[in-house]
Amino acid sequence: DALRTSYDRVADAYVGMRAGDLGR
């Protein structure tokens, strides 16, 4: 539950930062 809440919390920033992008 804590992990789910944490990733919900950071999801928008994660996407905005293009974290996990394969291009590099």
mmCIF file of all heavy atoms, coordinates in Angstrom:
data_MODEL
# 
_entry.id   MODEL 
# 
loop_
_atom_site.group_PDB 
_atom_site.id 
_atom_site.type_symbol 
_atom_site.label_atom_id 
_atom_site.label_alt_id 
_atom_site.label_comp_id 
_atom_site.label_asym_id 
_atom_site.label_entity_id 
_atom_site.label_seq_id 
_atom_site.pdbx_PDB_ins_code 
_atom_site.Cartn_x 
_atom_site.Cartn_y 
_atom_site.Cartn_z 
_atom_site.occupancy 
_atom_site.B_iso_or_equiv 
_atom_site.pdbx_formal_charge 
_atom_site.auth_seq_id 
_atom_site.auth_comp_id 
_atom_site.auth_asym_id 
_atom_site.auth_atom_id 
_atom_site.pdbx_PDB_model_num 
ATOM 1   N N   . ASP A 1 1  ? 0.830  -1.203 0.000   1.00 0.00 ? 1  ASP A N   1 
ATOM 2   C CA  . ASP A 1 1  ? 0.000  0.000  0.000   1.00 0.00 ? 1  ASP A CA  1 
ATOM 3   C C   . ASP A 1 1  ? 0.865  1.254  0.000   1.00 0.00 ? 1  ASP A C   1 
ATOM 4   O O   . ASP A 1 1  ? 0.581  2.224  -0.732  1.00 0.00 ? 1  ASP A O   1 
ATOM 5   C CB  . ASP A 1 1  ? -0.919 0.014  1.225   1.00 0.00 ? 1  ASP A CB  1 
ATOM 6   C CG  . ASP A 1 1  ? -2.026 -1.025 1.153   1.00 0.00 ? 1  ASP A CG  1 
ATOM 7   O OD1 . ASP A 1 1  ? -2.358 -1.451 0.026   1.00 0.00 ? 1  ASP A OD1 1 
ATOM 8   O OD2 . ASP A 1 1  ? -2.545 -1.408 2.214   1.00 0.00 ? 1  ASP A OD2 1 
ATOM 9   N N   . ALA A 1 2  ? 1.920  1.248  0.817   1.00 0.00 ? 2  ALA A N   1 
ATOM 10  C CA  . ALA A 1 2  ? 2.821  2.402  0.863   1.00 0.00 ? 2  ALA A CA  1 
ATOM 11  C C   . ALA A 1 2  ? 3.529  2.592  -0.475  1.00 0.00 ? 2  ALA A C   1 
ATOM 12  O O   . ALA A 1 2  ? 3.723  3.725  -0.942  1.00 0.00 ? 2  ALA A O   1 
ATOM 13  C CB  . ALA A 1 2  ? 3.839  2.229  1.987   1.00 0.00 ? 2  ALA A CB  1 
ATOM 14  N N   . LEU A 1 3  ? 3.909  1.487  -1.102  1.00 0.00 ? 3  LEU A N   1 
ATOM 15  C CA  . LEU A 1 3  ? 4.582  1.575  -2.395  1.00 0.00 ? 3  LEU A CA  1 
ATOM 16  C C   . LEU A 1 3  ? 3.636  2.108  -3.463  1.00 0.00 ? 3  LEU A C   1 
ATOM 17  O O   . LEU A 1 3  ? 4.019  2.962  -4.277  1.00 0.00 ? 3  LEU A O   1 
ATOM 18  C CB  . LEU A 1 3  ? 5.106  0.195  -2.788  1.00 0.00 ? 3  LEU A CB  1 
ATOM 19  C CG  . LEU A 1 3  ? 5.962  0.113  -4.047  1.00 0.00 ? 3  LEU A CG  1 
ATOM 20  C CD1 . LEU A 1 3  ? 7.224  0.964  -3.907  1.00 0.00 ? 3  LEU A CD1 1 
ATOM 21  C CD2 . LEU A 1 3  ? 6.330  -1.337 -4.341  1.00 0.00 ? 3  LEU A CD2 1 
ATOM 22  N N   . ARG A 1 4  ? 2.396  1.618  -3.455  1.00 0.00 ? 4  ARG A N   1 
ATOM 23  C CA  . ARG A 1 4  ? 1.398  2.112  -4.419  1.00 0.00 ? 4  ARG A CA  1 
ATOM 24  C C   . ARG A 1 4  ? 1.184  3.615  -4.248  1.00 0.00 ? 4  ARG A C   1 
ATOM 25  O O   . ARG A 1 4  ? 1.191  4.375  -5.226  1.00 0.00 ? 4  ARG A O   1 
ATOM 26  C CB  . ARG A 1 4  ? 0.082  1.356  -4.238  1.00 0.00 ? 4  ARG A CB  1 
ATOM 27  C CG  . ARG A 1 4  ? -1.018 1.820  -5.190  1.00 0.00 ? 4  ARG A CG  1 
ATOM 28  C CD  . ARG A 1 4  ? -2.335 1.124  -4.888  1.00 0.00 ? 4  ARG A CD  1 
ATOM 29  N NE  . ARG A 1 4  ? -2.258 -0.300 -5.110  1.00 0.00 ? 4  ARG A NE  1 
ATOM 30  C CZ  . ARG A 1 4  ? -2.263 -1.214 -4.153  1.00 0.00 ? 4  ARG A CZ  1 
ATOM 31  N NH1 . ARG A 1 4  ? -2.294 -0.838 -2.871  1.00 0.00 ? 4  ARG A NH1 1 
ATOM 32  N NH2 . ARG A 1 4  ? -2.207 -2.493 -4.435  1.00 0.00 ? 4  ARG A NH2 1 
ATOM 33  N N   . THR A 1 5  ? 0.993  4.034  -3.008  1.00 0.00 ? 5  THR A N   1 
ATOM 34  C CA  . THR A 1 5  ? 0.782  5.458  -2.737  1.00 0.00 ? 5  THR A CA  1 
ATOM 35  C C   . THR A 1 5  ? 1.992  6.275  -3.166  1.00 0.00 ? 5  THR A C   1 
ATOM 36  O O   . THR A 1 5  ? 1.842  7.377  -3.727  1.00 0.00 ? 5  THR A O   1 
ATOM 37  C CB  . THR A 1 5  ? 0.507  5.660  -1.239  1.00 0.00 ? 5  THR A CB  1 
ATOM 38  O OG1 . THR A 1 5  ? -0.682 4.949  -0.877  1.00 0.00 ? 5  THR A OG1 1 
ATOM 39  C CG2 . THR A 1 5  ? 0.337  7.132  -0.903  1.00 0.00 ? 5  THR A CG2 1 
ATOM 40  N N   . SER A 1 6  ? 3.191  5.758  -2.936  1.00 0.00 ? 6  SER A N   1 
ATOM 41  C CA  . SER A 1 6  ? 4.414  6.476  -3.302  1.00 0.00 ? 6  SER A CA  1 
ATOM 42  C C   . SER A 1 6  ? 4.519  6.656  -4.808  1.00 0.00 ? 6  SER A C   1 
ATOM 43  O O   . SER A 1 6  ? 4.847  7.749  -5.298  1.00 0.00 ? 6  SER A O   1 
ATOM 44  C CB  . SER A 1 6  ? 5.636  5.722  -2.772  1.00 0.00 ? 6  SER A CB  1 
ATOM 45  O OG  . SER A 1 6  ? 5.652  5.707  -1.367  1.00 0.00 ? 6  SER A OG  1 
ATOM 46  N N   . TYR A 1 7  ? 4.252  5.602  -5.567  1.00 0.00 ? 7  TYR A N   1 
ATOM 47  C CA  . TYR A 1 7  ? 4.348  5.728  -7.019  1.00 0.00 ? 7  TYR A CA  1 
ATOM 48  C C   . TYR A 1 7  ? 3.221  6.568  -7.601  1.00 0.00 ? 7  TYR A C   1 
ATOM 49  O O   . TYR A 1 7  ? 3.417  7.269  -8.609  1.00 0.00 ? 7  TYR A O   1 
ATOM 50  C CB  . TYR A 1 7  ? 4.432  4.346  -7.682  1.00 0.00 ? 7  TYR A CB  1 
ATOM 51  C CG  . TYR A 1 7  ? 5.866  3.902  -7.829  1.00 0.00 ? 7  TYR A CG  1 
ATOM 52  C CD1 . TYR A 1 7  ? 6.434  3.000  -6.932  1.00 0.00 ? 7  TYR A CD1 1 
ATOM 53  C CD2 . TYR A 1 7  ? 6.678  4.423  -8.834  1.00 0.00 ? 7  TYR A CD2 1 
ATOM 54  C CE1 . TYR A 1 7  ? 7.767  2.613  -7.043  1.00 0.00 ? 7  TYR A CE1 1 
ATOM 55  C CE2 . TYR A 1 7  ? 8.000  4.043  -8.955  1.00 0.00 ? 7  TYR A CE2 1 
ATOM 56  C CZ  . TYR A 1 7  ? 8.544  3.139  -8.058  1.00 0.00 ? 7  TYR A CZ  1 
ATOM 57  O OH  . TYR A 1 7  ? 9.859  2.767  -8.176  1.00 0.00 ? 7  TYR A OH  1 
ATOM 58  N N   . ASP A 1 8  ? 2.043  6.527  -6.977  1.00 0.00 ? 8  ASP A N   1 
ATOM 59  C CA  . ASP A 1 8  ? 1.004  7.463  -7.398  1.00 0.00 ? 8  ASP A CA  1 
ATOM 60  C C   . ASP A 1 8  ? 1.471  8.902  -7.179  1.00 0.00 ? 8  ASP A C   1 
ATOM 61  O O   . ASP A 1 8  ? 1.220  9.795  -7.997  1.00 0.00 ? 8  ASP A O   1 
ATOM 62  C CB  . ASP A 1 8  ? -0.281 7.215  -6.598  1.00 0.00 ? 8  ASP A CB  1 
ATOM 63  C CG  . ASP A 1 8  ? -1.086 6.024  -7.097  1.00 0.00 ? 8  ASP A CG  1 
ATOM 64  O OD1 . ASP A 1 8  ? -0.797 5.521  -8.207  1.00 0.00 ? 8  ASP A OD1 1 
ATOM 65  O OD2 . ASP A 1 8  ? -2.012 5.604  -6.376  1.00 0.00 ? 8  ASP A OD2 1 
ATOM 66  N N   . ARG A 1 9  ? 2.166  9.120  -6.077  1.00 0.00 ? 9  ARG A N   1 
ATOM 67  C CA  . ARG A 1 9  ? 2.624  10.468 -5.738  1.00 0.00 ? 9  ARG A CA  1 
ATOM 68  C C   . ARG A 1 9  ? 3.676  10.978 -6.731  1.00 0.00 ? 9  ARG A C   1 
ATOM 69  O O   . ARG A 1 9  ? 3.678  12.160 -7.092  1.00 0.00 ? 9  ARG A O   1 
ATOM 70  C CB  . ARG A 1 9  ? 3.197  10.480 -4.307  1.00 0.00 ? 9  ARG A CB  1 
ATOM 71  C CG  . ARG A 1 9  ? 3.616  11.854 -3.810  1.00 0.00 ? 9  ARG A CG  1 
ATOM 72  C CD  . ARG A 1 9  ? 4.256  11.739 -2.427  1.00 0.00 ? 9  ARG A CD  1 
ATOM 73  N NE  . ARG A 1 9  ? 3.313  11.280 -1.430  1.00 0.00 ? 9  ARG A NE  1 
ATOM 74  C CZ  . ARG A 1 9  ? 2.504  12.085 -0.734  1.00 0.00 ? 9  ARG A CZ  1 
ATOM 75  N NH1 . ARG A 1 9  ? 2.528  13.395 -0.941  1.00 0.00 ? 9  ARG A NH1 1 
ATOM 76  N NH2 . ARG A 1 9  ? 1.685  11.588 0.160   1.00 0.00 ? 9  ARG A NH2 1 
ATOM 77  N N   . VAL A 1 10 ? 4.577  10.104 -7.174  1.00 0.00 ? 10 VAL A N   1 
ATOM 78  C CA  . VAL A 1 10 ? 5.671  10.562 -8.037  1.00 0.00 ? 10 VAL A CA  1 
ATOM 79  C C   . VAL A 1 10 ? 5.380  10.388 -9.523  1.00 0.00 ? 10 VAL A C   1 
ATOM 80  O O   . VAL A 1 10 ? 6.172  10.826 -10.355 1.00 0.00 ? 10 VAL A O   1 
ATOM 81  C CB  . VAL A 1 10 ? 6.994  9.816  -7.714  1.00 0.00 ? 10 VAL A CB  1 
ATOM 82  C CG1 . VAL A 1 10 ? 7.368  9.959  -6.249  1.00 0.00 ? 10 VAL A CG1 1 
ATOM 83  C CG2 . VAL A 1 10 ? 6.935  8.352  -8.128  1.00 0.00 ? 10 VAL A CG2 1 
ATOM 84  N N   . ALA A 1 11 ? 4.249  9.785  -9.872  1.00 0.00 ? 11 ALA A N   1 
ATOM 85  C CA  . ALA A 1 11 ? 4.011  9.420  -11.277 1.00 0.00 ? 11 ALA A CA  1 
ATOM 86  C C   . ALA A 1 11 ? 4.087  10.619 -12.216 1.00 0.00 ? 11 ALA A C   1 
ATOM 87  O O   . ALA A 1 11 ? 4.707  10.541 -13.290 1.00 0.00 ? 11 ALA A O   1 
ATOM 88  C CB  . ALA A 1 11 ? 2.663  8.718  -11.409 1.00 0.00 ? 11 ALA A CB  1 
ATOM 89  N N   . ASP A 1 12 ? 3.466  11.734 -11.856 1.00 0.00 ? 12 ASP A N   1 
ATOM 90  C CA  . ASP A 1 12 ? 3.469  12.891 -12.749 1.00 0.00 ? 12 ASP A CA  1 
ATOM 91  C C   . ASP A 1 12 ? 4.887  13.428 -12.951 1.00 0.00 ? 12 ASP A C   1 
ATOM 92  O O   . ASP A 1 12 ? 5.288  13.769 -14.074 1.00 0.00 ? 12 ASP A O   1 
ATOM 93  C CB  . ASP A 1 12 ? 2.576  14.001 -12.196 1.00 0.00 ? 12 ASP A CB  1 
ATOM 94  C CG  . ASP A 1 12 ? 1.100  13.617 -12.197 1.00 0.00 ? 12 ASP A CG  1 
ATOM 95  O OD1 . ASP A 1 12 ? 0.752  12.538 -12.731 1.00 0.00 ? 12 ASP A OD1 1 
ATOM 96  O OD2 . ASP A 1 12 ? 0.293  14.390 -11.651 1.00 0.00 ? 12 ASP A OD2 1 
ATOM 97  N N   . ALA A 1 13 ? 5.663  13.489 -11.860 1.00 0.00 ? 13 ALA A N   1 
ATOM 98  C CA  . ALA A 1 13 ? 7.047  13.961 -11.972 1.00 0.00 ? 13 ALA A CA  1 
ATOM 99  C C   . ALA A 1 13 ? 7.877  12.976 -12.786 1.00 0.00 ? 13 ALA A C   1 
ATOM 100 O O   . ALA A 1 13 ? 8.714  13.387 -13.608 1.00 0.00 ? 13 ALA A O   1 
ATOM 101 C CB  . ALA A 1 13 ? 7.653  14.151 -10.584 1.00 0.00 ? 13 ALA A CB  1 
ATOM 102 N N   . TYR A 1 14 ? 7.675  11.690 -12.578 1.00 0.00 ? 14 TYR A N   1 
ATOM 103 C CA  . TYR A 1 14 ? 8.398  10.645 -13.317 1.00 0.00 ? 14 TYR A CA  1 
ATOM 104 C C   . TYR A 1 14 ? 8.184  10.826 -14.816 1.00 0.00 ? 14 TYR A C   1 
ATOM 105 O O   . TYR A 1 14 ? 9.138  10.803 -15.608 1.00 0.00 ? 14 TYR A O   1 
ATOM 106 C CB  . TYR A 1 14 ? 7.890  9.287  -12.845 1.00 0.00 ? 14 TYR A CB  1 
ATOM 107 C CG  . TYR A 1 14 ? 8.594  8.078  -13.409 1.00 0.00 ? 14 TYR A CG  1 
ATOM 108 C CD1 . TYR A 1 14 ? 9.558  7.404  -12.659 1.00 0.00 ? 14 TYR A CD1 1 
ATOM 109 C CD2 . TYR A 1 14 ? 8.292  7.580  -14.671 1.00 0.00 ? 14 TYR A CD2 1 
ATOM 110 C CE1 . TYR A 1 14 ? 10.199 6.277  -13.158 1.00 0.00 ? 14 TYR A CE1 1 
ATOM 111 C CE2 . TYR A 1 14 ? 8.928  6.462  -15.175 1.00 0.00 ? 14 TYR A CE2 1 
ATOM 112 C CZ  . TYR A 1 14 ? 9.874  5.816  -14.420 1.00 0.00 ? 14 TYR A CZ  1 
ATOM 113 O OH  . TYR A 1 14 ? 10.506 4.702  -14.924 1.00 0.00 ? 14 TYR A OH  1 
ATOM 114 N N   . VAL A 1 15 ? 6.936  11.015 -15.195 1.00 0.00 ? 15 VAL A N   1 
ATOM 115 C CA  . VAL A 1 15 ? 6.631  11.201 -16.618 1.00 0.00 ? 15 VAL A CA  1 
ATOM 116 C C   . VAL A 1 15 ? 7.193  12.524 -17.122 1.00 0.00 ? 15 VAL A C   1 
ATOM 117 O O   . VAL A 1 15 ? 7.771  12.606 -18.218 1.00 0.00 ? 15 VAL A O   1 
ATOM 118 C CB  . VAL A 1 15 ? 5.112  11.111 -16.850 1.00 0.00 ? 15 VAL A CB  1 
ATOM 119 C CG1 . VAL A 1 15 ? 4.741  11.513 -18.277 1.00 0.00 ? 15 VAL A CG1 1 
ATOM 120 C CG2 . VAL A 1 15 ? 4.618  9.698  -16.563 1.00 0.00 ? 15 VAL A CG2 1 
ATOM 121 N N   . GLY A 1 16 ? 7.038  13.582 -16.325 1.00 0.00 ? 16 GLY A N   1 
ATOM 122 C CA  . GLY A 1 16 ? 7.539  14.889 -16.746 1.00 0.00 ? 16 GLY A CA  1 
ATOM 123 C C   . GLY A 1 16 ? 9.042  14.916 -16.937 1.00 0.00 ? 16 GLY A C   1 
ATOM 124 O O   . GLY A 1 16 ? 9.551  15.627 -17.816 1.00 0.00 ? 16 GLY A O   1 
ATOM 125 N N   . MET A 1 17 ? 9.778  14.125 -16.159 1.00 0.00 ? 17 MET A N   1 
ATOM 126 C CA  . MET A 1 17 ? 11.230 14.040 -16.267 1.00 0.00 ? 17 MET A CA  1 
ATOM 127 C C   . MET A 1 17 ? 11.687 13.051 -17.331 1.00 0.00 ? 17 MET A C   1 
ATOM 128 O O   . MET A 1 17 ? 12.887 12.919 -17.563 1.00 0.00 ? 17 MET A O   1 
ATOM 129 C CB  . MET A 1 17 ? 11.829 13.628 -14.917 1.00 0.00 ? 17 MET A CB  1 
ATOM 130 C CG  . MET A 1 17 ? 11.629 14.628 -13.800 1.00 0.00 ? 17 MET A CG  1 
ATOM 131 S SD  . MET A 1 17 ? 12.076 13.938 -12.170 1.00 0.00 ? 17 MET A SD  1 
ATOM 132 C CE  . MET A 1 17 ? 13.822 13.623 -12.425 1.00 0.00 ? 17 MET A CE  1 
ATOM 133 N N   . ARG A 1 18 ? 10.736 12.335 -17.936 1.00 0.00 ? 18 ARG A N   1 
ATOM 134 C CA  . ARG A 1 18 ? 11.057 11.292 -18.914 1.00 0.00 ? 18 ARG A CA  1 
ATOM 135 C C   . ARG A 1 18 ? 11.988 10.241 -18.301 1.00 0.00 ? 18 ARG A C   1 
ATOM 136 O O   . ARG A 1 18 ? 12.892 9.711  -18.953 1.00 0.00 ? 18 ARG A O   1 
ATOM 137 C CB  . ARG A 1 18 ? 11.685 11.882 -20.185 1.00 0.00 ? 18 ARG A CB  1 
ATOM 138 C CG  . ARG A 1 18 ? 10.763 12.852 -20.921 1.00 0.00 ? 18 ARG A CG  1 
ATOM 139 C CD  . ARG A 1 18 ? 11.442 13.469 -22.134 1.00 0.00 ? 18 ARG A CD  1 
ATOM 140 N NE  . ARG A 1 18 ? 11.825 12.455 -23.110 1.00 0.00 ? 18 ARG A NE  1 
ATOM 141 C CZ  . ARG A 1 18 ? 11.021 12.003 -24.075 1.00 0.00 ? 18 ARG A CZ  1 
ATOM 142 N NH1 . ARG A 1 18 ? 9.783  12.461 -24.175 1.00 0.00 ? 18 ARG A NH1 1 
ATOM 143 N NH2 . ARG A 1 18 ? 11.458 11.102 -24.931 1.00 0.00 ? 18 ARG A NH2 1 
ATOM 144 N N   . ALA A 1 19 ? 11.733 9.946  -17.020 1.00 0.00 ? 19 ALA A N   1 
ATOM 145 C CA  . ALA A 1 19 ? 12.504 8.902  -16.351 1.00 0.00 ? 19 ALA A CA  1 
ATOM 146 C C   . ALA A 1 19 ? 12.234 7.567  -17.042 1.00 0.00 ? 19 ALA A C   1 
ATOM 147 O O   . ALA A 1 19 ? 11.118 7.280  -17.458 1.00 0.00 ? 19 ALA A O   1 
ATOM 148 C CB  . ALA A 1 19 ? 12.117 8.827  -14.881 1.00 0.00 ? 19 ALA A CB  1 
ATOM 149 N N   . GLY A 1 20 ? 13.257 6.766  -17.154 1.00 0.00 ? 20 GLY A N   1 
ATOM 150 C CA  . GLY A 1 20 ? 13.105 5.485  -17.830 1.00 0.00 ? 20 GLY A CA  1 
ATOM 151 C C   . GLY A 1 20 ? 13.141 5.561  -19.339 1.00 0.00 ? 20 GLY A C   1 
ATOM 152 O O   . GLY A 1 20 ? 12.961 4.541  -20.016 1.00 0.00 ? 20 GLY A O   1 
ATOM 153 N N   . ASP A 1 21 ? 13.393 6.756  -19.880 1.00 0.00 ? 21 ASP A N   1 
ATOM 154 C CA  . ASP A 1 21 ? 13.455 6.904  -21.340 1.00 0.00 ? 21 ASP A CA  1 
ATOM 155 C C   . ASP A 1 21 ? 14.620 6.094  -21.911 1.00 0.00 ? 21 ASP A C   1 
ATOM 156 O O   . ASP A 1 21 ? 15.718 6.083  -21.346 1.00 0.00 ? 21 ASP A O   1 
ATOM 157 C CB  . ASP A 1 21 ? 13.622 8.385  -21.693 1.00 0.00 ? 21 ASP A CB  1 
ATOM 158 C CG  . ASP A 1 21 ? 13.626 8.621  -23.182 1.00 0.00 ? 21 ASP A CG  1 
ATOM 159 O OD1 . ASP A 1 21 ? 12.574 8.458  -23.811 1.00 0.00 ? 21 ASP A OD1 1 
ATOM 160 O OD2 . ASP A 1 21 ? 14.706 8.953  -23.718 1.00 0.00 ? 21 ASP A OD2 1 
ATOM 161 N N   . LEU A 1 22 ? 14.359 5.409  -23.004 1.00 0.00 ? 22 LEU A N   1 
ATOM 162 C CA  . LEU A 1 22 ? 15.370 4.534  -23.603 1.00 0.00 ? 22 LEU A CA  1 
ATOM 163 C C   . LEU A 1 22 ? 16.287 5.248  -24.589 1.00 0.00 ? 22 LEU A C   1 
ATOM 164 O O   . LEU A 1 22 ? 17.271 4.665  -25.050 1.00 0.00 ? 22 LEU A O   1 
ATOM 165 C CB  . LEU A 1 22 ? 14.678 3.377  -24.335 1.00 0.00 ? 22 LEU A CB  1 
ATOM 166 C CG  . LEU A 1 22 ? 13.894 2.398  -23.462 1.00 0.00 ? 22 LEU A CG  1 
ATOM 167 C CD1 . LEU A 1 22 ? 13.030 1.502  -24.332 1.00 0.00 ? 22 LEU A CD1 1 
ATOM 168 C CD2 . LEU A 1 22 ? 14.838 1.578  -22.606 1.00 0.00 ? 22 LEU A CD2 1 
ATOM 169 N N   . GLY A 1 23 ? 15.985 6.486  -24.903 1.00 0.00 ? 23 GLY A N   1 
ATOM 170 C CA  . GLY A 1 23 ? 16.700 7.158  -25.975 1.00 0.00 ? 23 GLY A CA  1 
ATOM 171 C C   . GLY A 1 23 ? 18.188 7.289  -25.775 1.00 0.00 ? 23 GLY A C   1 
ATOM 172 O O   . GLY A 1 23 ? 18.961 7.282  -26.732 1.00 0.00 ? 23 GLY A O   1 
ATOM 173 N N   . ARG A 1 24 ? 18.625 7.362  -24.515 1.00 0.00 ? 24 ARG A N   1 
ATOM 174 C CA  . ARG A 1 24 ? 20.052 7.547  -24.219 1.00 0.00 ? 24 ARG A CA  1 
ATOM 175 C C   . ARG A 1 24 ? 20.763 6.230  -23.917 1.00 0.00 ? 24 ARG A C   1 
ATOM 176 O O   . ARG A 1 24 ? 21.915 6.250  -23.508 1.00 0.00 ? 24 ARG A O   1 
ATOM 177 C CB  . ARG A 1 24 ? 20.198 8.498  -23.025 1.00 0.00 ? 24 ARG A CB  1 
ATOM 178 C CG  . ARG A 1 24 ? 19.738 9.921  -23.302 1.00 0.00 ? 24 ARG A CG  1 
ATOM 179 C CD  . ARG A 1 24 ? 19.725 10.731 -22.036 1.00 0.00 ? 24 ARG A CD  1 
ATOM 180 N NE  . ARG A 1 24 ? 18.716 10.233 -21.098 1.00 0.00 ? 24 ARG A NE  1 
ATOM 181 C CZ  . ARG A 1 24 ? 18.599 10.659 -19.844 1.00 0.00 ? 24 ARG A CZ  1 
ATOM 182 N NH1 . ARG A 1 24 ? 19.443 11.558 -19.363 1.00 0.00 ? 24 ARG A NH1 1 
ATOM 183 N NH2 . ARG A 1 24 ? 17.653 10.174 -19.057 1.00 0.00 ? 24 ARG A NH2 1 
# 
